[in-house]
ModelCIF file with pLDDT and N, C-alpha, C, O atoms, coordinates in Angstrom:
data_MODEL
#
_entry.id   MODEL 
#
_entity.id                         1 
_entity.type                       polymer 
_entity.pdbx_number_of_molecules   1 
#
_entity_poly.entity_id                      1 
_entity_poly.type                           'polypeptide(L)' 
_entity_poly.nstd_linkage                   no 
_entity_poly.nstd_monomer                   no 
_entity_poly.pdbx_seq_one_letter_code       NFQRSLSIMLLKFFVDTAALPYWLYLSKIQHTSVSVQYYCATEEFC 
_entity_poly.pdbx_seq_one_letter_code_can   NFQRSLSIMLLKFFVDTAALPYWLYLSKIQHTSVSVQYYCATEEFC 
_entity_poly.pdbx_strand_id                 A 
#
loop_
_entity_poly_seq.entity_id 
_entity_poly_seq.num 
_entity_poly_seq.mon_id 
_entity_poly_seq.hetero 
1 1  ASN n 
1 2  PHE n 
1 3  GLN n 
1 4  ARG n 
1 5  SER n 
1 6  LEU n 
1 7  SER n 
1 8  ILE n 
1 9  MET n 
1 10 LEU n 
1 11 LEU n 
1 12 LYS n 
1 13 PHE n 
1 14 PHE n 
1 15 VAL n 
1 16 ASP n 
1 17 THR n 
1 18 ALA n 
1 19 ALA n 
1 20 LEU n 
1 21 PRO n 
1 22 TYR n 
1 23 TRP n 
1 24 LEU n 
1 25 TYR n 
1 26 LEU n 
1 27 SER n 
1 28 LYS n 
1 29 ILE n 
1 30 GLN n 
1 31 HIS n 
1 32 THR n 
1 33 SER n 
1 34 VAL n 
1 35 SER n 
1 36 VAL n 
1 37 GLN n 
1 38 TYR n 
1 39 TYR n 
1 40 CYS n 
1 41 ALA n 
1 42 THR n 
1 43 GLU n 
1 44 GLU n 
1 45 PHE n 
1 46 CYS n 
#
_struct_asym.id          A 
_struct_asym.entity_id   1 
#
loop_
_ma_qa_metric.id 
_ma_qa_metric.mode 
_ma_qa_metric.name 
_ma_qa_metric.software_group_id 
_ma_qa_metric.type 
1 global pLDDT . pLDDT 
2 local  pLDDT . pLDDT 
#
_ma_qa_metric_global.metric_id      1 
_ma_qa_metric_global.metric_value   85.09 
_ma_qa_metric_global.model_id       1 
_ma_qa_metric_global.ordinal_id     1 
#
loop_
_ma_qa_metric_local.label_asym_id 
_ma_qa_metric_local.label_comp_id 
_ma_qa_metric_local.label_seq_id 
_ma_qa_metric_local.metric_id 
_ma_qa_metric_local.metric_value 
_ma_qa_metric_local.model_id 
_ma_qa_metric_local.ordinal_id 
A ASN 1  2 91.00 1 1  
A PHE 2  2 92.00 1 2  
A GLN 3  2 87.00 1 3  
A ARG 4  2 88.00 1 4  
A SER 5  2 90.00 1 5  
A LEU 6  2 91.00 1 6  
A SER 7  2 90.00 1 7  
A ILE 8  2 91.00 1 8  
A MET 9  2 91.00 1 9  
A LEU 10 2 91.00 1 10 
A LEU 11 2 89.00 1 11 
A LYS 12 2 90.00 1 12 
A PHE 13 2 91.00 1 13 
A PHE 14 2 89.00 1 14 
A VAL 15 2 87.00 1 15 
A ASP 16 2 88.00 1 16 
A THR 17 2 90.00 1 17 
A ALA 18 2 87.00 1 18 
A ALA 19 2 84.00 1 19 
A LEU 20 2 86.00 1 20 
A PRO 21 2 87.00 1 21 
A TYR 22 2 84.00 1 22 
A TRP 23 2 81.00 1 23 
A LEU 24 2 84.00 1 24 
A TYR 25 2 84.00 1 25 
A LEU 26 2 80.00 1 26 
A SER 27 2 78.00 1 27 
A LYS 28 2 80.00 1 28 
A ILE 29 2 79.00 1 29 
A GLN 30 2 73.00 1 30 
A HIS 31 2 68.00 1 31 
A THR 32 2 70.00 1 32 
A SER 33 2 74.00 1 33 
A VAL 34 2 80.00 1 34 
A SER 35 2 79.00 1 35 
A VAL 36 2 79.00 1 36 
A GLN 37 2 82.00 1 37 
A TYR 38 2 85.00 1 38 
A TYR 39 2 84.00 1 39 
A CYS 40 2 85.00 1 40 
A ALA 41 2 88.00 1 41 
A THR 42 2 89.00 1 42 
A GLU 43 2 88.00 1 43 
A GLU 44 2 89.00 1 44 
A PHE 45 2 91.00 1 45 
A CYS 46 2 90.00 1 46 
#
loop_
_atom_site.group_PDB 
_atom_site.id 
_atom_site.type_symbol 
_atom_site.label_atom_id 
_atom_site.label_alt_id 
_atom_site.label_comp_id 
_atom_site.label_asym_id 
_atom_site.label_entity_id 
_atom_site.label_seq_id 
_atom_site.pdbx_PDB_ins_code 
_atom_site.Cartn_x 
_atom_site.Cartn_y 
_atom_site.Cartn_z 
_atom_site.occupancy 
_atom_site.B_iso_or_equiv 
_atom_site.pdbx_formal_charge 
_atom_site.auth_seq_id 
_atom_site.auth_comp_id 
_atom_site.auth_asym_id 
_atom_site.auth_atom_id 
_atom_site.pdbx_PDB_model_num 
ATOM 1   N N  . ASN A 1 1  ? 91.114 47.921 59.790 1.00 91.00 ? 1  ASN A N  1 
ATOM 2   C CA . ASN A 1 1  ? 91.407 47.951 58.317 1.00 91.00 ? 1  ASN A CA 1 
ATOM 3   C C  . ASN A 1 1  ? 90.169 47.822 57.482 1.00 91.00 ? 1  ASN A C  1 
ATOM 4   O O  . ASN A 1 1  ? 90.121 48.305 56.351 1.00 91.00 ? 1  ASN A O  1 
ATOM 5   N N  . PHE A 1 2  ? 89.121 47.146 58.049 1.00 92.00 ? 2  PHE A N  1 
ATOM 6   C CA . PHE A 1 2  ? 87.850 46.953 57.352 1.00 92.00 ? 2  PHE A CA 1 
ATOM 7   C C  . PHE A 1 2  ? 86.729 47.709 58.008 1.00 92.00 ? 2  PHE A C  1 
ATOM 8   O O  . PHE A 1 2  ? 85.572 47.316 57.856 1.00 92.00 ? 2  PHE A O  1 
ATOM 9   N N  . GLN A 1 3  ? 87.009 48.774 58.730 1.00 87.00 ? 3  GLN A N  1 
ATOM 10  C CA . GLN A 1 3  ? 86.032 49.432 59.543 1.00 87.00 ? 3  GLN A CA 1 
ATOM 11  C C  . GLN A 1 3  ? 84.881 50.017 58.764 1.00 87.00 ? 3  GLN A C  1 
ATOM 12  O O  . GLN A 1 3  ? 83.723 49.913 59.168 1.00 87.00 ? 3  GLN A O  1 
ATOM 13  N N  . ARG A 1 4  ? 85.210 50.642 57.631 1.00 88.00 ? 4  ARG A N  1 
ATOM 14  C CA . ARG A 1 4  ? 84.159 51.290 56.786 1.00 88.00 ? 4  ARG A CA 1 
ATOM 15  C C  . ARG A 1 4  ? 83.534 50.288 55.734 1.00 88.00 ? 4  ARG A C  1 
ATOM 16  O O  . ARG A 1 4  ? 82.321 50.216 55.535 1.00 88.00 ? 4  ARG A O  1 
ATOM 17  N N  . SER A 1 5  ? 84.418 49.573 55.121 1.00 90.00 ? 5  SER A N  1 
ATOM 18  C CA . SER A 1 5  ? 83.983 48.732 53.967 1.00 90.00 ? 5  SER A CA 1 
ATOM 19  C C  . SER A 1 5  ? 83.147 47.537 54.411 1.00 90.00 ? 5  SER A C  1 
ATOM 20  O O  . SER A 1 5  ? 82.193 47.162 53.729 1.00 90.00 ? 5  SER A O  1 
ATOM 21  N N  . LEU A 1 6  ? 83.491 46.944 55.533 1.00 91.00 ? 6  LEU A N  1 
ATOM 22  C CA . LEU A 1 6  ? 82.871 45.747 55.957 1.00 91.00 ? 6  LEU A CA 1 
ATOM 23  C C  . LEU A 1 6  ? 81.337 45.936 56.175 1.00 91.00 ? 6  LEU A C  1 
ATOM 24  O O  . LEU A 1 6  ? 80.538 45.086 55.783 1.00 91.00 ? 6  LEU A O  1 
ATOM 25  N N  . SER A 1 7  ? 80.963 47.047 56.797 1.00 90.00 ? 7  SER A N  1 
ATOM 26  C CA . SER A 1 7  ? 79.552 47.271 57.121 1.00 90.00 ? 7  SER A CA 1 
ATOM 27  C C  . SER A 1 7  ? 78.747 47.548 55.859 1.00 90.00 ? 7  SER A C  1 
ATOM 28  O O  . SER A 1 7  ? 77.625 47.060 55.726 1.00 90.00 ? 7  SER A O  1 
ATOM 29  N N  . ILE A 1 8  ? 79.281 48.294 54.965 1.00 91.00 ? 8  ILE A N  1 
ATOM 30  C CA . ILE A 1 8  ? 78.556 48.557 53.706 1.00 91.00 ? 8  ILE A CA 1 
ATOM 31  C C  . ILE A 1 8  ? 78.498 47.296 52.776 1.00 91.00 ? 8  ILE A C  1 
ATOM 32  O O  . ILE A 1 8  ? 77.529 47.088 52.046 1.00 91.00 ? 8  ILE A O  1 
ATOM 33  N N  . MET A 1 9  ? 79.557 46.488 52.840 1.00 91.00 ? 9  MET A N  1 
ATOM 34  C CA . MET A 1 9  ? 79.483 45.256 52.081 1.00 91.00 ? 9  MET A CA 1 
ATOM 35  C C  . MET A 1 9  ? 78.384 44.283 52.687 1.00 91.00 ? 9  MET A C  1 
ATOM 36  O O  . MET A 1 9  ? 77.661 43.626 51.939 1.00 91.00 ? 9  MET A O  1 
ATOM 37  N N  . LEU A 1 10 ? 78.293 44.222 53.948 1.00 91.00 ? 10 LEU A N  1 
ATOM 38  C CA . LEU A 1 10 ? 77.140 43.465 54.550 1.00 91.00 ? 10 LEU A CA 1 
ATOM 39  C C  . LEU A 1 10 ? 75.824 44.047 54.179 1.00 91.00 ? 10 LEU A C  1 
ATOM 40  O O  . LEU A 1 10 ? 74.897 43.284 53.908 1.00 91.00 ? 10 LEU A O  1 
ATOM 41  N N  . LEU A 1 11 ? 75.666 45.333 54.144 1.00 89.00 ? 11 LEU A N  1 
ATOM 42  C CA . LEU A 1 11 ? 74.390 45.976 53.659 1.00 89.00 ? 11 LEU A CA 1 
ATOM 43  C C  . LEU A 1 11 ? 74.092 45.594 52.238 1.00 89.00 ? 11 LEU A C  1 
ATOM 44  O O  . LEU A 1 11 ? 72.944 45.330 51.883 1.00 89.00 ? 11 LEU A O  1 
ATOM 45  N N  . LYS A 1 12 ? 75.199 45.561 51.361 1.00 90.00 ? 12 LYS A N  1 
ATOM 46  C CA . LYS A 1 12 ? 74.959 45.147 49.962 1.00 90.00 ? 12 LYS A CA 1 
ATOM 47  C C  . LYS A 1 12 ? 74.547 43.692 49.817 1.00 90.00 ? 12 LYS A C  1 
ATOM 48  O O  . LYS A 1 12 ? 73.704 43.349 48.989 1.00 90.00 ? 12 LYS A O  1 
ATOM 49  N N  . PHE A 1 13 ? 75.146 42.855 50.622 1.00 91.00 ? 13 PHE A N  1 
ATOM 50  C CA . PHE A 1 13 ? 74.815 41.424 50.634 1.00 91.00 ? 13 PHE A CA 1 
ATOM 51  C C  . PHE A 1 13 ? 73.285 41.284 51.139 1.00 91.00 ? 13 PHE A C  1 
ATOM 52  O O  . PHE A 1 13 ? 72.537 40.438 50.651 1.00 91.00 ? 13 PHE A O  1 
ATOM 53  N N  . PHE A 1 14 ? 72.927 42.073 52.033 1.00 89.00 ? 14 PHE A N  1 
ATOM 54  C CA . PHE A 1 14 ? 71.552 41.942 52.519 1.00 89.00 ? 14 PHE A CA 1 
ATOM 55  C C  . PHE A 1 14 ? 70.557 42.387 51.513 1.00 89.00 ? 14 PHE A C  1 
ATOM 56  O O  . PHE A 1 14 ? 69.532 41.727 51.340 1.00 89.00 ? 14 PHE A O  1 
ATOM 57  N N  . VAL A 1 15 ? 70.815 43.538 50.797 1.00 87.00 ? 15 VAL A N  1 
ATOM 58  C CA . VAL A 1 15 ? 69.973 43.966 49.759 1.00 87.00 ? 15 VAL A CA 1 
ATOM 59  C C  . VAL A 1 15 ? 69.911 42.986 48.630 1.00 87.00 ? 15 VAL A C  1 
ATOM 60  O O  . VAL A 1 15 ? 68.835 42.746 48.082 1.00 87.00 ? 15 VAL A O  1 
ATOM 61  N N  . ASP A 1 16 ? 71.120 42.366 48.232 1.00 88.00 ? 16 ASP A N  1 
ATOM 62  C CA . ASP A 1 16 ? 71.149 41.399 47.180 1.00 88.00 ? 16 ASP A CA 1 
ATOM 63  C C  . ASP A 1 16 ? 70.319 40.170 47.472 1.00 88.00 ? 16 ASP A C  1 
ATOM 64  O O  . ASP A 1 16 ? 69.483 39.732 46.683 1.00 88.00 ? 16 ASP A O  1 
ATOM 65  N N  . THR A 1 17 ? 70.599 39.630 48.666 1.00 90.00 ? 17 THR A N  1 
ATOM 66  C CA . THR A 1 17 ? 69.908 38.337 48.984 1.00 90.00 ? 17 THR A CA 1 
ATOM 67  C C  . THR A 1 17 ? 68.471 38.509 49.245 1.00 90.00 ? 17 THR A C  1 
ATOM 68  O O  . THR A 1 17 ? 67.715 37.547 49.107 1.00 90.00 ? 17 THR A O  1 
ATOM 69  N N  . ALA A 1 18 ? 68.017 39.718 49.630 1.00 87.00 ? 18 ALA A N  1 
ATOM 70  C CA . ALA A 1 18 ? 66.585 39.968 49.755 1.00 87.00 ? 18 ALA A CA 1 
ATOM 71  C C  . ALA A 1 18 ? 65.903 40.271 48.457 1.00 87.00 ? 18 ALA A C  1 
ATOM 72  O O  . ALA A 1 18 ? 64.729 39.939 48.295 1.00 87.00 ? 18 ALA A O  1 
ATOM 73  N N  . ALA A 1 19 ? 66.623 40.922 47.473 1.00 84.00 ? 19 ALA A N  1 
ATOM 74  C CA . ALA A 1 19 ? 66.044 41.319 46.212 1.00 84.00 ? 19 ALA A CA 1 
ATOM 75  C C  . ALA A 1 19 ? 66.024 40.251 45.151 1.00 84.00 ? 19 ALA A C  1 
ATOM 76  O O  . ALA A 1 19 ? 65.108 40.194 44.332 1.00 84.00 ? 19 ALA A O  1 
ATOM 77  N N  . LEU A 1 20 ? 67.041 39.396 45.163 1.00 86.00 ? 20 LEU A N  1 
ATOM 78  C CA . LEU A 1 20 ? 67.221 38.442 44.151 1.00 86.00 ? 20 LEU A CA 1 
ATOM 79  C C  . LEU A 1 20 ? 66.057 37.424 44.113 1.00 86.00 ? 20 LEU A C  1 
ATOM 80  O O  . LEU A 1 20 ? 65.525 37.183 43.029 1.00 86.00 ? 20 LEU A O  1 
ATOM 81  N N  . PRO A 1 21 ? 65.636 36.814 45.244 1.00 87.00 ? 21 PRO A N  1 
ATOM 82  C CA . PRO A 1 21 ? 64.442 35.987 45.180 1.00 87.00 ? 21 PRO A CA 1 
ATOM 83  C C  . PRO A 1 21 ? 63.215 36.702 44.747 1.00 87.00 ? 21 PRO A C  1 
ATOM 84  O O  . PRO A 1 21 ? 62.336 36.094 44.135 1.00 87.00 ? 21 PRO A O  1 
ATOM 85  N N  . TYR A 1 22 ? 63.109 38.001 45.046 1.00 84.00 ? 22 TYR A N  1 
ATOM 86  C CA . TYR A 1 22 ? 61.966 38.796 44.537 1.00 84.00 ? 22 TYR A CA 1 
ATOM 87  C C  . TYR A 1 22 ? 62.021 38.934 43.079 1.00 84.00 ? 22 TYR A C  1 
ATOM 88  O O  . TYR A 1 22 ? 60.985 38.864 42.418 1.00 84.00 ? 22 TYR A O  1 
ATOM 89  N N  . TRP A 1 23 ? 63.236 39.137 42.502 1.00 81.00 ? 23 TRP A N  1 
ATOM 90  C CA . TRP A 1 23 ? 63.350 39.252 41.026 1.00 81.00 ? 23 TRP A CA 1 
ATOM 91  C C  . TRP A 1 23 ? 63.001 37.792 40.399 1.00 81.00 ? 23 TRP A C  1 
ATOM 92  O O  . TRP A 1 23 ? 62.386 37.709 39.336 1.00 81.00 ? 23 TRP A O  1 
ATOM 93  N N  . LEU A 1 24 ? 63.374 36.800 41.025 1.00 84.00 ? 24 LEU A N  1 
ATOM 94  C CA . LEU A 1 24 ? 63.100 35.408 40.596 1.00 84.00 ? 24 LEU A CA 1 
ATOM 95  C C  . LEU A 1 24 ? 61.623 35.232 40.512 1.00 84.00 ? 24 LEU A C  1 
ATOM 96  O O  . LEU A 1 24 ? 61.121 34.726 39.509 1.00 84.00 ? 24 LEU A O  1 
ATOM 97  N N  . TYR A 1 25 ? 60.892 35.636 41.544 1.00 84.00 ? 25 TYR A N  1 
ATOM 98  C CA . TYR A 1 25 ? 59.501 35.500 41.639 1.00 84.00 ? 25 TYR A CA 1 
ATOM 99  C C  . TYR A 1 25 ? 58.757 36.326 40.522 1.00 84.00 ? 25 TYR A C  1 
ATOM 100 O O  . TYR A 1 25 ? 57.806 35.848 39.904 1.00 84.00 ? 25 TYR A O  1 
ATOM 101 N N  . LEU A 1 26 ? 59.244 37.585 40.302 1.00 80.00 ? 26 LEU A N  1 
ATOM 102 C CA . LEU A 1 26 ? 58.728 38.410 39.276 1.00 80.00 ? 26 LEU A CA 1 
ATOM 103 C C  . LEU A 1 26 ? 58.994 37.751 37.861 1.00 80.00 ? 26 LEU A C  1 
ATOM 104 O O  . LEU A 1 26 ? 58.126 37.793 36.989 1.00 80.00 ? 26 LEU A O  1 
ATOM 105 N N  . SER A 1 27 ? 60.125 37.190 37.673 1.00 78.00 ? 27 SER A N  1 
ATOM 106 C CA . SER A 1 27 ? 60.430 36.597 36.407 1.00 78.00 ? 27 SER A CA 1 
ATOM 107 C C  . SER A 1 27 ? 59.483 35.379 36.143 1.00 78.00 ? 27 SER A C  1 
ATOM 108 O O  . SER A 1 27 ? 59.079 35.159 35.001 1.00 78.00 ? 27 SER A O  1 
ATOM 109 N N  . LYS A 1 28 ? 59.140 34.611 37.171 1.00 80.00 ? 28 LYS A N  1 
ATOM 110 C CA . LYS A 1 28 ? 58.287 33.500 36.961 1.00 80.00 ? 28 LYS A CA 1 
ATOM 111 C C  . LYS A 1 28 ? 56.848 33.900 36.608 1.00 80.00 ? 28 LYS A C  1 
ATOM 112 O O  . LYS A 1 28 ? 56.238 33.342 35.696 1.00 80.00 ? 28 LYS A O  1 
ATOM 113 N N  . ILE A 1 29 ? 56.299 34.923 37.387 1.00 79.00 ? 29 ILE A N  1 
ATOM 114 C CA . ILE A 1 29 ? 54.934 35.294 37.120 1.00 79.00 ? 29 ILE A CA 1 
ATOM 115 C C  . ILE A 1 29 ? 54.774 36.090 35.843 1.00 79.00 ? 29 ILE A C  1 
ATOM 116 O O  . ILE A 1 29 ? 53.682 36.147 35.277 1.00 79.00 ? 29 ILE A O  1 
ATOM 117 N N  . GLN A 1 30 ? 55.911 36.737 35.358 1.00 73.00 ? 30 GLN A N  1 
ATOM 118 C CA . GLN A 1 30 ? 55.817 37.513 34.126 1.00 73.00 ? 30 GLN A CA 1 
ATOM 119 C C  . GLN A 1 30 ? 56.222 36.646 32.941 1.00 73.00 ? 30 GLN A C  1 
ATOM 120 O O  . GLN A 1 30 ? 56.148 37.078 31.791 1.00 73.00 ? 30 GLN A O  1 
ATOM 121 N N  . HIS A 1 31 ? 56.653 35.412 33.232 1.00 68.00 ? 31 HIS A N  1 
ATOM 122 C CA . HIS A 1 31 ? 57.112 34.465 32.168 1.00 68.00 ? 31 HIS A CA 1 
ATOM 123 C C  . HIS A 1 31 ? 58.190 35.071 31.230 1.00 68.00 ? 31 HIS A C  1 
ATOM 124 O O  . HIS A 1 31 ? 58.098 35.027 30.003 1.00 68.00 ? 31 HIS A O  1 
ATOM 125 N N  . THR A 1 32 ? 59.206 35.631 31.896 1.00 70.00 ? 32 THR A N  1 
ATOM 126 C CA . THR A 1 32 ? 60.319 36.210 31.116 1.00 70.00 ? 32 THR A CA 1 
ATOM 127 C C  . THR A 1 32 ? 61.334 35.061 30.834 1.00 70.00 ? 32 THR A C  1 
ATOM 128 O O  . THR A 1 32 ? 61.059 33.887 31.081 1.00 70.00 ? 32 THR A O  1 
ATOM 129 N N  . SER A 1 33 ? 62.487 35.451 30.321 1.00 74.00 ? 33 SER A N  1 
ATOM 130 C CA . SER A 1 33 ? 63.466 34.439 29.864 1.00 74.00 ? 33 SER A CA 1 
ATOM 131 C C  . SER A 1 33 ? 63.941 33.646 31.143 1.00 74.00 ? 33 SER A C  1 
ATOM 132 O O  . SER A 1 33 ? 64.057 34.120 32.274 1.00 74.00 ? 33 SER A O  1 
ATOM 133 N N  . VAL A 1 34 ? 64.201 32.313 30.739 1.00 80.00 ? 34 VAL A N  1 
ATOM 134 C CA . VAL A 1 34 ? 64.683 31.425 31.788 1.00 80.00 ? 34 VAL A CA 1 
ATOM 135 C C  . VAL A 1 34 ? 66.053 31.779 32.256 1.00 80.00 ? 34 VAL A C  1 
ATOM 136 O O  . VAL A 1 34 ? 66.413 31.459 33.389 1.00 80.00 ? 34 VAL A O  1 
ATOM 137 N N  . SER A 1 35 ? 66.863 32.451 31.406 1.00 79.00 ? 35 SER A N  1 
ATOM 138 C CA . SER A 1 35 ? 68.222 32.830 31.710 1.00 79.00 ? 35 SER A CA 1 
ATOM 139 C C  . SER A 1 35 ? 68.196 33.824 32.875 1.00 79.00 ? 35 SER A C  1 
ATOM 140 O O  . SER A 1 35 ? 69.109 33.825 33.701 1.00 79.00 ? 35 SER A O  1 
ATOM 141 N N  . VAL A 1 36 ? 67.163 34.667 32.951 1.00 79.00 ? 36 VAL A N  1 
ATOM 142 C CA . VAL A 1 36 ? 67.067 35.644 34.083 1.00 79.00 ? 36 VAL A CA 1 
ATOM 143 C C  . VAL A 1 36 ? 66.878 34.882 35.380 1.00 79.00 ? 36 VAL A C  1 
ATOM 144 O O  . VAL A 1 36 ? 67.468 35.259 36.392 1.00 79.00 ? 36 VAL A O  1 
ATOM 145 N N  . GLN A 1 37 ? 66.066 33.811 35.391 1.00 82.00 ? 37 GLN A N  1 
ATOM 146 C CA . GLN A 1 37 ? 65.840 33.061 36.532 1.00 82.00 ? 37 GLN A CA 1 
ATOM 147 C C  . GLN A 1 37 ? 67.068 32.242 36.956 1.00 82.00 ? 37 GLN A C  1 
ATOM 148 O O  . GLN A 1 37 ? 67.278 32.034 38.151 1.00 82.00 ? 37 GLN A O  1 
ATOM 149 N N  . TYR A 1 38 ? 67.846 31.794 36.039 1.00 85.00 ? 38 TYR A N  1 
ATOM 150 C CA . TYR A 1 38 ? 69.125 31.099 36.314 1.00 85.00 ? 38 TYR A CA 1 
ATOM 151 C C  . TYR A 1 38 ? 70.036 32.085 36.970 1.00 85.00 ? 38 TYR A C  1 
ATOM 152 O O  . TYR A 1 38 ? 70.644 31.792 38.000 1.00 85.00 ? 38 TYR A O  1 
ATOM 153 N N  . TYR A 1 39 ? 70.142 33.285 36.369 1.00 84.00 ? 39 TYR A N  1 
ATOM 154 C CA . TYR A 1 39 ? 71.037 34.255 36.878 1.00 84.00 ? 39 TYR A CA 1 
ATOM 155 C C  . TYR A 1 39 ? 70.690 34.626 38.411 1.00 84.00 ? 39 TYR A C  1 
ATOM 156 O O  . TYR A 1 39 ? 71.563 34.607 39.279 1.00 84.00 ? 39 TYR A O  1 
ATOM 157 N N  . CYS A 1 40 ? 69.420 34.945 38.659 1.00 85.00 ? 40 CYS A N  1 
ATOM 158 C CA . CYS A 1 40 ? 69.029 35.239 40.025 1.00 85.00 ? 40 CYS A CA 1 
ATOM 159 C C  . CYS A 1 40 ? 69.325 34.148 40.984 1.00 85.00 ? 40 CYS A C  1 
ATOM 160 O O  . CYS A 1 40 ? 69.820 34.429 42.076 1.00 85.00 ? 40 CYS A O  1 
ATOM 161 N N  . ALA A 1 41 ? 69.049 32.892 40.648 1.00 88.00 ? 41 ALA A N  1 
ATOM 162 C CA . ALA A 1 41 ? 69.245 31.789 41.558 1.00 88.00 ? 41 ALA A CA 1 
ATOM 163 C C  . ALA A 1 41 ? 70.770 31.583 41.774 1.00 88.00 ? 41 ALA A C  1 
ATOM 164 O O  . ALA A 1 41 ? 71.188 31.337 42.906 1.00 88.00 ? 41 ALA A O  1 
ATOM 165 N N  . THR A 1 42 ? 71.573 31.675 40.756 1.00 89.00 ? 42 THR A N  1 
ATOM 166 C CA . THR A 1 42 ? 72.997 31.474 40.888 1.00 89.00 ? 42 THR A CA 1 
ATOM 167 C C  . THR A 1 42 ? 73.592 32.603 41.701 1.00 89.00 ? 42 THR A C  1 
ATOM 168 O O  . THR A 1 42 ? 74.392 32.333 42.597 1.00 89.00 ? 42 THR A O  1 
ATOM 169 N N  . GLU A 1 43 ? 73.258 33.818 41.448 1.00 88.00 ? 43 GLU A N  1 
ATOM 170 C CA . GLU A 1 43 ? 73.812 34.908 42.249 1.00 88.00 ? 43 GLU A CA 1 
ATOM 171 C C  . GLU A 1 43 ? 73.418 34.885 43.725 1.00 88.00 ? 43 GLU A C  1 
ATOM 172 O O  . GLU A 1 43 ? 74.201 35.274 44.591 1.00 88.00 ? 43 GLU A O  1 
ATOM 173 N N  . GLU A 1 44 ? 72.191 34.423 44.004 1.00 89.00 ? 44 GLU A N  1 
ATOM 174 C CA . GLU A 1 44 ? 71.702 34.264 45.371 1.00 89.00 ? 44 GLU A CA 1 
ATOM 175 C C  . GLU A 1 44 ? 72.563 33.239 46.102 1.00 89.00 ? 44 GLU A C  1 
ATOM 176 O O  . GLU A 1 44 ? 72.988 33.449 47.238 1.00 89.00 ? 44 GLU A O  1 
ATOM 177 N N  . PHE A 1 45 ? 72.808 32.113 45.408 1.00 91.00 ? 45 PHE A N  1 
ATOM 178 C CA . PHE A 1 45 ? 73.644 31.029 45.971 1.00 91.00 ? 45 PHE A CA 1 
ATOM 179 C C  . PHE A 1 45 ? 75.083 31.597 46.269 1.00 91.00 ? 45 PHE A C  1 
ATOM 180 O O  . PHE A 1 45 ? 75.614 31.410 47.364 1.00 91.00 ? 45 PHE A O  1 
ATOM 181 N N  . CYS A 1 46 ? 75.660 32.259 45.307 1.00 90.00 ? 46 CYS A N  1 
ATOM 182 C CA . CYS A 1 46 ? 77.022 32.789 45.435 1.00 90.00 ? 46 CYS A CA 1 
ATOM 183 C C  . CYS A 1 46 ? 77.135 33.833 46.595 1.00 90.00 ? 46 CYS A C  1 
ATOM 184 O O  . CYS A 1 46 ? 78.214 34.374 46.836 1.00 90.00 ? 46 CYS A O  1 
#
């Protein structure tokens, strides 16, 4: 029942969890809005 969707969802989670800390790092070194950093950290945790 989850043959096709489960693998692509795992791929999406892998891309998210690998990219969000990178976005958080960029936000810190570029001194962008703190709300962006909060969003990246919260979504990574979720």
